[in-house]
């Protein structure tokens, strides 16, 4: 991420994304989702507000929400099949 942060042709557009998980119940599965999101490049879950996760992104123009939806779907599948 440091390379991306200092690369002149890849400008950053930092900001916040508020995401409300739809497929996971409150509790451990949402904590797992938050941990997974923080592993995505350029994202960090910085807290929650009600049922929503507050995610800081280095580039809010990136497909962050699409990635989060995919992660949530995979975790929901693992919880359902586990």
C-alpha atoms as a PDB file:
ATOM      1  CA  UNK A   1       0.000   0.000   0.000  1.00  0.00           C
ATOM      2  CA  UNK A   2       2.921   2.341   0.561  1.00  0.00           C
ATOM      3  CA  UNK A   3       3.819   2.006  -3.143  1.00  0.00           C
ATOM      4  CA  UNK A   4       0.242   2.938  -4.048  1.00  0.00           C
ATOM      5  CA  UNK A   5       0.178   5.834  -1.613  1.00  0.00           C
ATOM      6  CA  UNK A   6       3.268   7.436  -3.131  1.00  0.00           C
ATOM      7  CA  UNK A   7       2.734   6.555  -6.809  1.00  0.00           C
ATOM      8  CA  UNK A   8       2.016   9.790  -8.741  1.00  0.00           C
ATOM      9  CA  UNK A   9      -0.172   8.081 -11.382  1.00  0.00           C
ATOM     10  CA  UNK A  10      -2.425   6.399  -8.808  1.00  0.00           C
ATOM     11  CA  UNK A  11      -3.863   9.300  -6.829  1.00  0.00           C
ATOM     12  CA  UNK A  12      -5.766   8.488  -3.676  1.00  0.00           C
ATOM     13  CA  UNK A  13      -9.274   9.567  -2.848  1.00  0.00           C
ATOM     14  CA  UNK A  14      -9.573   8.690   0.857  1.00  0.00           C
ATOM     15  CA  UNK A  15     -12.875   8.652   2.624  1.00  0.00           C
ATOM     16  CA  UNK A  16     -15.438   6.664   4.535  1.00  0.00           C
ATOM     17  CA  UNK A  17     -17.833   3.921   3.510  1.00  0.00           C
ATOM     18  CA  UNK A  18     -20.719   2.974   5.780  1.00  0.00           C
ATOM     19  CA  UNK A  19     -21.780  -0.619   5.171  1.00  0.00           C
ATOM     20  CA  UNK A  20     -24.673  -2.439   6.782  1.00  0.00           C
ATOM     21  CA  UNK A  21     -24.288  -6.221   6.573  1.00  0.00           C
ATOM     22  CA  UNK A  22     -27.467  -7.828   5.252  1.00  0.00           C
ATOM     23  CA  UNK A  23     -26.655 -11.525   5.256  1.00  0.00           C
ATOM     24  CA  UNK A  24     -24.970 -11.899   8.641  1.00  0.00           C
ATOM     25  CA  UNK A  25     -26.608 -11.755  12.059  1.00  0.00           C
ATOM     26  CA  UNK A  26     -25.077  -9.538  14.742  1.00  0.00           C
ATOM     27  CA  UNK A  27     -22.285 -11.194  16.658  1.00  0.00           C
ATOM     28  CA  UNK A  28     -19.237 -13.243  15.795  1.00  0.00           C
ATOM     29  CA  UNK A  29     -19.940 -13.520  12.065  1.00  0.00           C
ATOM     30  CA  UNK A  30     -19.988  -9.720  11.724  1.00  0.00           C
ATOM     31  CA  UNK A  31     -16.750  -9.466  13.683  1.00  0.00           C
ATOM     32  CA  UNK A  32     -15.226 -11.924  11.223  1.00  0.00           C
ATOM     33  CA  UNK A  33     -16.492  -9.774   8.348  1.00  0.00           C
ATOM     34  CA  UNK A  34     -14.893  -6.684   9.884  1.00  0.00           C
ATOM     35  CA  UNK A  35     -11.602  -8.544  10.239  1.00  0.00           C
ATOM     36  CA  UNK A  36     -11.771  -9.710   6.614  1.00  0.00           C
ATOM     37  CA  UNK A  37     -12.519  -6.190   5.369  1.00  0.00           C
ATOM     38  CA  UNK A  38      -9.471  -4.865   7.198  1.00  0.00           C
ATOM     39  CA  UNK A  39      -7.353  -7.369   5.247  1.00  0.00           C
ATOM     40  CA  UNK A  40      -8.500  -5.944   1.904  1.00  0.00           C
ATOM     41  CA  UNK A  41      -5.879  -3.564   0.473  1.00  0.00           C
ATOM     42  CA  UNK A  42      -6.581   0.040   1.389  1.00  0.00           C
ATOM     43  CA  UNK A  43      -9.424  -0.616   3.826  1.00  0.00           C
ATOM     44  CA  UNK A  44      -9.738  -0.566   7.597  1.00  0.00           C
ATOM     45  CA  UNK A  45     -12.842  -1.057   9.703  1.00  0.00           C
ATOM     46  CA  UNK A  46     -12.605   1.774  12.206  1.00  0.00           C
ATOM     47  CA  UNK A  47     -15.741   1.024  14.199  1.00  0.00           C
ATOM     48  CA  UNK A  48     -19.448   0.627  13.981  1.00  0.00           C
ATOM     49  CA  UNK A  49     -22.554   2.708  14.331  1.00  0.00           C
ATOM     50  CA  UNK A  50     -25.698   0.771  15.082  1.00  0.00           C
ATOM     51  CA  UNK A  51     -25.796  -2.139  12.635  1.00  0.00           C
ATOM     52  CA  UNK A  52     -23.328  -0.536  10.204  1.00  0.00           C
ATOM     53  CA  UNK A  53     -19.561  -0.849   9.862  1.00  0.00           C
ATOM     54  CA  UNK A  54     -17.517   2.333   9.431  1.00  0.00           C
ATOM     55  CA  UNK A  55     -14.771   1.622   6.925  1.00  0.00           C
ATOM     56  CA  UNK A  56     -11.933   3.955   6.049  1.00  0.00           C
ATOM     57  CA  UNK A  57     -10.751   3.554   2.446  1.00  0.00           C
ATOM     58  CA  UNK A  58      -7.702   4.940   0.704  1.00  0.00           C
ATOM     59  CA  UNK A  59      -9.740   5.239  -2.487  1.00  0.00           C
ATOM     60  CA  UNK A  60     -13.519   5.412  -2.235  1.00  0.00           C
ATOM     61  CA  UNK A  61     -13.749   5.242  -6.042  1.00  0.00           C
ATOM     62  CA  UNK A  62     -12.476   1.658  -5.953  1.00  0.00           C
ATOM     63  CA  UNK A  63     -14.904  -1.254  -5.935  1.00  0.00           C
ATOM     64  CA  UNK A  64     -14.853  -1.424  -2.141  1.00  0.00           C
ATOM     65  CA  UNK A  65     -18.548  -2.146  -1.601  1.00  0.00           C
ATOM     66  CA  UNK A  66     -18.513  -4.873  -4.255  1.00  0.00           C
ATOM     67  CA  UNK A  67     -15.581  -6.533  -2.466  1.00  0.00           C
ATOM     68  CA  UNK A  68     -17.338  -6.265   0.887  1.00  0.00           C
ATOM     69  CA  UNK A  69     -20.531  -7.796  -0.494  1.00  0.00           C
ATOM     70  CA  UNK A  70     -18.467 -10.699  -1.866  1.00  0.00           C
ATOM     71  CA  UNK A  71     -16.715 -11.239   1.475  1.00  0.00           C
ATOM     72  CA  UNK A  72     -20.035 -11.123   3.331  1.00  0.00           C
ATOM     73  CA  UNK A  73     -21.523 -13.671   0.929  1.00  0.00           C
ATOM     74  CA  UNK A  74     -18.600 -16.057   1.419  1.00  0.00           C
ATOM     75  CA  UNK A  75     -18.757 -15.766   5.208  1.00  0.00           C
ATOM     76  CA  UNK A  76     -22.539 -16.277   5.175  1.00  0.00           C
ATOM     77  CA  UNK A  77     -22.039 -19.421   3.087  1.00  0.00           C
ATOM     78  CA  UNK A  78     -19.408 -20.740   5.478  1.00  0.00           C
ATOM     79  CA  UNK A  79     -21.626 -20.057   8.518  1.00  0.00           C
ATOM     80  CA  UNK A  80     -24.623 -21.697   6.835  1.00  0.00           C
ATOM     81  CA  UNK A  81     -22.632 -24.756   5.756  1.00  0.00           C
ATOM     82  CA  UNK A  82     -20.479 -24.979   8.874  1.00  0.00           C
END
